[in-house]
Structures are given as structure tokens and as C-alpha cells.
C-alpha atoms as a PDB file:
ATOM      1  CA  UNK A   1      10.768 -31.340  27.174  1.00  0.00           C
ATOM      2  CA  UNK A   2       8.696 -28.336  26.003  1.00  0.00           C
ATOM      3  CA  UNK A   3       7.343 -26.036  28.694  1.00  0.00           C
ATOM      4  CA  UNK A   4       4.091 -24.033  28.488  1.00  0.00           C
ATOM      5  CA  UNK A   5       2.833 -21.186  30.664  1.00  0.00           C
ATOM      6  CA  UNK A   6      -0.933 -20.772  31.188  1.00  0.00           C
ATOM      7  CA  UNK A   7      -1.871 -17.554  33.023  1.00  0.00           C
ATOM      8  CA  UNK A   8      -4.991 -17.855  35.192  1.00  0.00           C
ATOM      9  CA  UNK A   9      -7.372 -14.946  35.796  1.00  0.00           C
ATOM     10  CA  UNK A  10     -10.708 -14.727  37.567  1.00  0.00           C
ATOM     11  CA  UNK A  11     -13.513 -15.170  35.051  1.00  0.00           C
ATOM     12  CA  UNK A  12     -11.501 -17.312  32.635  1.00  0.00           C
ATOM     13  CA  UNK A  13     -13.238 -20.109  30.742  1.00  0.00           C
ATOM     14  CA  UNK A  14     -12.449 -23.171  32.841  1.00  0.00           C
ATOM     15  CA  UNK A  15     -12.804 -25.705  30.020  1.00  0.00           C
ATOM     16  CA  UNK A  16     -10.225 -23.905  27.903  1.00  0.00           C
ATOM     17  CA  UNK A  17      -7.693 -23.820  30.727  1.00  0.00           C
ATOM     18  CA  UNK A  18      -8.233 -27.342  32.062  1.00  0.00           C
ATOM     19  CA  UNK A  19      -8.458 -29.078  28.670  1.00  0.00           C
ATOM     20  CA  UNK A  20      -5.276 -27.378  27.470  1.00  0.00           C
ATOM     21  CA  UNK A  21      -3.371 -28.276  30.635  1.00  0.00           C
ATOM     22  CA  UNK A  22      -4.636 -31.865  30.737  1.00  0.00           C
ATOM     23  CA  UNK A  23      -4.067 -32.664  27.058  1.00  0.00           C
ATOM     24  CA  UNK A  24      -0.584 -31.114  26.992  1.00  0.00           C
ATOM     25  CA  UNK A  25       0.439 -33.003  30.121  1.00  0.00           C
ATOM     26  CA  UNK A  26      -0.706 -36.248  28.478  1.00  0.00           C
ATOM     27  CA  UNK A  27       1.936 -35.496  25.835  1.00  0.00           C
ATOM     28  CA  UNK A  28       4.638 -35.077  28.460  1.00  0.00           C
ATOM     29  CA  UNK A  29       4.729 -31.304  28.052  1.00  0.00           C
ATOM     30  CA  UNK A  30       5.461 -29.443  31.273  1.00  0.00           C
ATOM     31  CA  UNK A  31       2.633 -26.988  31.927  1.00  0.00           C
ATOM     32  CA  UNK A  32       2.683 -24.355  34.656  1.00  0.00           C
ATOM     33  CA  UNK A  33      -0.513 -22.486  35.491  1.00  0.00           C
ATOM     34  CA  UNK A  34       0.125 -19.108  37.074  1.00  0.00           C
ATOM     35  CA  UNK A  35      -2.467 -16.848  38.664  1.00  0.00           C
ATOM     36  CA  UNK A  36      -2.108 -13.188  37.758  1.00  0.00           C
ATOM     37  CA  UNK A  37      -2.996 -12.020  41.269  1.00  0.00           C
ATOM     38  CA  UNK A  38      -3.852 -15.030  43.427  1.00  0.00           C
ATOM     39  CA  UNK A  39      -3.499 -18.806  43.334  1.00  0.00           C
ATOM     40  CA  UNK A  40      -7.231 -19.501  43.739  1.00  0.00           C
ATOM     41  CA  UNK A  41      -9.219 -18.483  40.678  1.00  0.00           C
ATOM     42  CA  UNK A  42     -12.988 -18.318  40.323  1.00  0.00           C
ATOM     43  CA  UNK A  43     -13.628 -19.263  36.704  1.00  0.00           C
ATOM     44  CA  UNK A  44     -16.520 -18.132  34.507  1.00  0.00           C
ATOM     45  CA  UNK A  45     -18.945 -20.823  35.715  1.00  0.00           C
ATOM     46  CA  UNK A  46     -17.981 -20.510  39.375  1.00  0.00           C
ATOM     47  CA  UNK A  47     -15.488 -23.386  39.346  1.00  0.00           C
ATOM     48  CA  UNK A  48     -12.590 -22.800  41.729  1.00  0.00           C
ATOM     49  CA  UNK A  49      -9.177 -23.611  40.313  1.00  0.00           C
ATOM     50  CA  UNK A  50      -5.831 -23.417  42.061  1.00  0.00           C
ATOM     51  CA  UNK A  51      -2.825 -22.372  39.985  1.00  0.00           C
ATOM     52  CA  UNK A  52       0.614 -23.948  40.331  1.00  0.00           C
ATOM     53  CA  UNK A  53       2.212 -20.570  40.978  1.00  0.00           C
ATOM     54  CA  UNK A  54       1.735 -16.836  40.791  1.00  0.00           C
ATOM     55  CA  UNK A  55       2.658 -15.214  37.494  1.00  0.00           C
ATOM     56  CA  UNK A  56       5.028 -12.859  39.308  1.00  0.00           C
ATOM     57  CA  UNK A  57       6.984 -15.902  40.566  1.00  0.00           C
ATOM     58  CA  UNK A  58       7.695 -17.561  37.207  1.00  0.00           C
ATOM     59  CA  UNK A  59      10.630 -16.958  34.893  1.00  0.00           C
ATOM     60  CA  UNK A  60       9.135 -16.327  31.437  1.00  0.00           C
ATOM     61  CA  UNK A  61      12.456 -17.137  29.766  1.00  0.00           C
ATOM     62  CA  UNK A  62      12.067 -20.796  30.755  1.00  0.00           C
ATOM     63  CA  UNK A  63       8.931 -21.327  28.623  1.00  0.00           C
ATOM     64  CA  UNK A  64       8.547 -22.292  24.969  1.00  0.00           C
ATOM     65  CA  UNK A  65       4.942 -21.093  24.733  1.00  0.00           C
ATOM     66  CA  UNK A  66       2.330 -19.027  26.537  1.00  0.00           C
ATOM     67  CA  UNK A  67      -1.356 -19.971  26.168  1.00  0.00           C
ATOM     68  CA  UNK A  68      -4.138 -17.584  27.163  1.00  0.00           C
ATOM     69  CA  UNK A  69      -7.510 -19.115  28.088  1.00  0.00           C
ATOM     70  CA  UNK A  70     -10.549 -17.058  27.136  1.00  0.00           C
ATOM     71  CA  UNK A  71     -13.743 -16.191  28.899  1.00  0.00           C
ATOM     72  CA  UNK A  72     -15.126 -12.670  28.791  1.00  0.00           C
ATOM     73  CA  UNK A  73     -14.116 -11.518  32.281  1.00  0.00           C
ATOM     74  CA  UNK A  74     -10.945 -13.612  32.259  1.00  0.00           C
ATOM     75  CA  UNK A  75      -9.855 -11.899  29.052  1.00  0.00           C
ATOM     76  CA  UNK A  76     -10.544  -8.475  30.569  1.00  0.00           C
ATOM     77  CA  UNK A  77      -8.446  -9.412  33.604  1.00  0.00           C
ATOM     78  CA  UNK A  78      -5.577 -10.758  31.473  1.00  0.00           C
ATOM     79  CA  UNK A  79      -5.781  -7.614  29.344  1.00  0.00           C
ATOM     80  CA  UNK A  80      -5.439  -5.403  32.415  1.00  0.00           C
ATOM     81  CA  UNK A  81      -2.327  -7.173  33.695  1.00  0.00           C
ATOM     82  CA  UNK A  82       0.910  -5.285  32.955  1.00  0.00           C
ATOM     83  CA  UNK A  83       2.837  -8.503  33.595  1.00  0.00           C
ATOM     84  CA  UNK A  84       0.843 -10.438  30.971  1.00  0.00           C
ATOM     85  CA  UNK A  85       1.500  -7.615  28.514  1.00  0.00           C
ATOM     86  CA  UNK A  86       5.219  -7.631  29.296  1.00  0.00           C
ATOM     87  CA  UNK A  87       5.500 -11.415  28.904  1.00  0.00           C
ATOM     88  CA  UNK A  88       3.594 -11.395  25.606  1.00  0.00           C
ATOM     89  CA  UNK A  89       5.864  -8.709  24.207  1.00  0.00           C
ATOM     90  CA  UNK A  90       8.929 -10.733  25.201  1.00  0.00           C
ATOM     91  CA  UNK A  91       7.522 -13.857  23.529  1.00  0.00           C
ATOM     92  CA  UNK A  92       6.704 -11.904  20.362  1.00  0.00           C
ATOM     93  CA  UNK A  93      10.137 -10.253  20.240  1.00  0.00           C
ATOM     94  CA  UNK A  94      11.920 -13.574  20.806  1.00  0.00           C
ATOM     95  CA  UNK A  95       9.707 -15.369  18.239  1.00  0.00           C
ATOM     96  CA  UNK A  96       8.384 -17.907  20.752  1.00  0.00           C
ATOM     97  CA  UNK A  97       4.993 -19.586  20.494  1.00  0.00           C
ATOM     98  CA  UNK A  98       1.857 -17.735  21.626  1.00  0.00           C
ATOM     99  CA  UNK A  99      -1.621 -19.253  21.858  1.00  0.00           C
ATOM    100  CA  UNK A 100      -4.997 -17.686  22.636  1.00  0.00           C
ATOM    101  CA  UNK A 101      -8.474 -19.191  22.590  1.00  0.00           C
ATOM    102  CA  UNK A 102     -12.020 -17.813  22.641  1.00  0.00           C
ATOM    103  CA  UNK A 103     -12.018 -14.116  23.636  1.00  0.00           C
ATOM    104  CA  UNK A 104      -8.305 -14.126  24.568  1.00  0.00           C
ATOM    105  CA  UNK A 105      -7.110 -13.016  21.101  1.00  0.00           C
ATOM    106  CA  UNK A 106      -8.385  -9.606  22.259  1.00  0.00           C
ATOM    107  CA  UNK A 107      -5.392  -9.495  24.610  1.00  0.00           C
ATOM    108  CA  UNK A 108      -3.114 -10.085  21.620  1.00  0.00           C
ATOM    109  CA  UNK A 109      -4.849  -7.303  19.669  1.00  0.00           C
ATOM    110  CA  UNK A 110      -4.738  -4.834  22.566  1.00  0.00           C
ATOM    111  CA  UNK A 111      -1.024  -5.335  23.137  1.00  0.00           C
ATOM    112  CA  UNK A 112      -0.111  -5.295  19.412  1.00  0.00           C
ATOM    113  CA  UNK A 113       0.933  -8.946  19.365  1.00  0.00           C
ATOM    114  CA  UNK A 114      -1.441  -9.638  16.478  1.00  0.00           C
ATOM    115  CA  UNK A 115      -0.618  -7.148  13.775  1.00  0.00           C
ATOM    116  CA  UNK A 116      -0.918  -8.474  10.244  1.00  0.00           C
ATOM    117  CA  UNK A 117      -1.566 -12.120  11.128  1.00  0.00           C
ATOM    118  CA  UNK A 118      -4.753 -14.001  10.414  1.00  0.00           C
ATOM    119  CA  UNK A 119      -6.523 -15.059  13.612  1.00  0.00           C
ATOM    120  CA  UNK A 120      -9.742 -16.470  14.964  1.00  0.00           C
ATOM    121  CA  UNK A 121     -11.675 -15.929  18.182  1.00  0.00           C
ATOM    122  CA  UNK A 122     -15.094 -16.463  19.711  1.00  0.00           C
ATOM    123  CA  UNK A 123     -17.613 -14.931  17.259  1.00  0.00           C
ATOM    124  CA  UNK A 124     -18.493 -11.370  18.173  1.00  0.00           C
ATOM    125  CA  UNK A 125     -15.831 -11.113  20.874  1.00  0.00           C
ATOM    126  CA  UNK A 126     -13.363  -9.077  18.818  1.00  0.00           C
ATOM    127  CA  UNK A 127     -13.846  -5.771  17.042  1.00  0.00           C
ATOM    128  CA  UNK A 128     -14.281  -5.899  13.284  1.00  0.00           C
ATOM    129  CA  UNK A 129     -10.943  -6.855  11.772  1.00  0.00           C
ATOM    130  CA  UNK A 130     -10.053  -7.856   8.224  1.00  0.00           C
ATOM    131  CA  UNK A 131      -7.632 -10.532   9.493  1.00  0.00           C
ATOM    132  CA  UNK A 132     -10.349 -12.358  11.508  1.00  0.00           C
ATOM    133  CA  UNK A 133     -11.229 -15.670   9.809  1.00  0.00           C
ATOM    134  CA  UNK A 134     -13.810 -17.315  12.085  1.00  0.00           C
ATOM    135  CA  UNK A 135     -12.040 -20.668  11.584  1.00  0.00           C
ATOM    136  CA  UNK A 136     -11.859 -23.220  14.397  1.00  0.00           C
ATOM    137  CA  UNK A 137      -8.054 -22.830  14.447  1.00  0.00           C
ATOM    138  CA  UNK A 138      -5.755 -20.308  12.866  1.00  0.00           C
ATOM    139  CA  UNK A 139      -1.960 -20.510  12.772  1.00  0.00           C
ATOM    140  CA  UNK A 140      -0.106 -17.455  11.553  1.00  0.00           C
ATOM    141  CA  UNK A 141       3.610 -17.073  12.129  1.00  0.00           C
ATOM    142  CA  UNK A 142       4.071 -18.418  15.683  1.00  0.00           C
ATOM    143  CA  UNK A 143       0.622 -17.413  16.920  1.00  0.00           C
ATOM    144  CA  UNK A 144      -2.104 -20.045  17.300  1.00  0.00           C
ATOM    145  CA  UNK A 145      -5.671 -18.900  17.939  1.00  0.00           C
ATOM    146  CA  UNK A 146      -8.856 -20.882  18.393  1.00  0.00           C
ATOM    147  CA  UNK A 147     -12.615 -20.340  18.423  1.00  0.00           C
ATOM    148  CA  UNK A 148     -13.812 -21.330  21.887  1.00  0.00           C
ATOM    149  CA  UNK A 149     -14.567 -24.078  24.397  1.00  0.00           C
ATOM    150  CA  UNK A 150     -15.697 -26.536  21.710  1.00  0.00           C
ATOM    151  CA  UNK A 151     -12.379 -26.246  19.894  1.00  0.00           C
ATOM    152  CA  UNK A 152     -10.199 -26.666  23.002  1.00  0.00           C
ATOM    153  CA  UNK A 153      -9.219 -30.260  22.144  1.00  0.00           C
ATOM    154  CA  UNK A 154      -8.227 -29.324  18.572  1.00  0.00           C
ATOM    155  CA  UNK A 155      -6.311 -26.330  19.901  1.00  0.00           C
ATOM    156  CA  UNK A 156      -4.462 -28.469  22.463  1.00  0.00           C
ATOM    157  CA  UNK A 157      -3.618 -31.173  19.933  1.00  0.00           C
ATOM    158  CA  UNK A 158      -2.242 -28.562  17.537  1.00  0.00           C
ATOM    159  CA  UNK A 159      -0.031 -27.237  20.339  1.00  0.00           C
ATOM    160  CA  UNK A 160       1.310 -30.768  20.867  1.00  0.00           C
ATOM    161  CA  UNK A 161       2.021 -31.035  17.143  1.00  0.00           C
ATOM    162  CA  UNK A 162       3.840 -27.686  17.135  1.00  0.00           C
ATOM    163  CA  UNK A 163       5.949 -28.417  20.218  1.00  0.00           C
ATOM    164  CA  UNK A 164       6.415 -32.197  20.119  1.00  0.00           C
ATOM    165  CA  UNK A 165       5.640 -33.325  16.575  1.00  0.00           C
ATOM    166  CA  UNK A 166       2.873 -35.070  14.677  1.00  0.00           C
ATOM    167  CA  UNK A 167       3.602 -38.545  16.061  1.00  0.00           C
ATOM    168  CA  UNK A 168       3.151 -37.377  19.666  1.00  0.00           C
ATOM    169  CA  UNK A 169      -0.058 -35.615  18.639  1.00  0.00           C
ATOM    170  CA  UNK A 170      -1.397 -38.809  17.038  1.00  0.00           C
ATOM    171  CA  UNK A 171      -0.468 -40.858  20.116  1.00  0.00           C
ATOM    172  CA  UNK A 172      -2.336 -38.514  22.471  1.00  0.00           C
ATOM    173  CA  UNK A 173      -5.271 -38.018  20.104  1.00  0.00           C
ATOM    174  CA  UNK A 174      -5.811 -41.771  19.718  1.00  0.00           C
ATOM    175  CA  UNK A 175      -6.268 -42.191  23.463  1.00  0.00           C
ATOM    176  CA  UNK A 176      -8.758 -39.319  23.737  1.00  0.00           C
ATOM    177  CA  UNK A 177     -11.393 -41.081  21.573  1.00  0.00           C
ATOM    178  CA  UNK A 178     -12.618 -37.840  20.078  1.00  0.00           C
ATOM    179  CA  UNK A 179     -15.321 -37.951  17.384  1.00  0.00           C
ATOM    180  CA  UNK A 180     -13.918 -38.080  13.866  1.00  0.00           C
END
């Protein structure tokens, strides 16, 4: 069974975190949320979320993918975490999957995870960059990026496809009754 790590930080976009976790779990993917400094997170709209663990307590080597939720302040907090940086560099070096949505691709840029890959992010949230596409989803090498809260379902379904195959994606997608 694939295993995905979702770091939680105060100020993160709650929809991006919760939709990713929920949709991946519907596919039977094990998802562990891990707070970067505390288990109780105050998300961007004041929603309180409790992580499964602290990031310092998880073994990064046991995960197939790391997914960073966005949100302006959440991204700043993820960016400031030396542990997030260390884990991302390990994932990049070991050619494991990395995902980032909304403003979170900034973390990938800051820590040189995105170098010559095409990527997308919330419009205006990243500095001018010739590799920015503005697409709803962008997959380049083993890095998946997405636009924002409105693309969280597409982002999550693509993760299922990457980790568990197209048939599992179709099975989960069918039961979500998303607009076509």
C-alpha cells in the first residue's frame, strides 16, 4: 500500500490538506498528517485541525510521497522548517514523489527542488519564472504541482493515479460525483 506524508503548518489552506487526505484514503492509500511544530494546527480560515503525528516523529524513509498543502502563511511556515527542507531534499535525491498545491510550490523553489521542471501554483504567489505554466495541474519528472483549492480534487485523483494506477483513480472518482 502506498504511503503519503502531509506536513501540517499553521496558516495552511485547510481544503487542500483535508481534500487530499480524504480522497487518498478513499483509495486505500495510507496518509499520515504531521504537524511541523504542534499537533493542533490553526488553518488559514481559522479551522482547527489535529495532525496524526509530529513531523519530528515520522520516518521519512517509509513514505512514497510527500504532499505540501498551500495557503500563504502555511507556505511561509513550511518554508521556514529545516525539517521540511531536509525531507524534501531526501525525496528529491531518492527520486520519490513530491506534490505541492497552491502557494506551496514556493517551498520547492526556495529549497531548489524545482529546478528546470515545469510547474504551476496559485496565480501571483510565485516570483516570475519561465517554467511556471498556470495550468491546473503540472507533472514534471516526479513532481506534481497544482493551482489551488479549486483543483484539490484533480490533484488528489492524479496522486491516486500515480501511486495506485488509473483503475483505482476511476473507482474513487466515480464515487465522488464531481462535475464533468
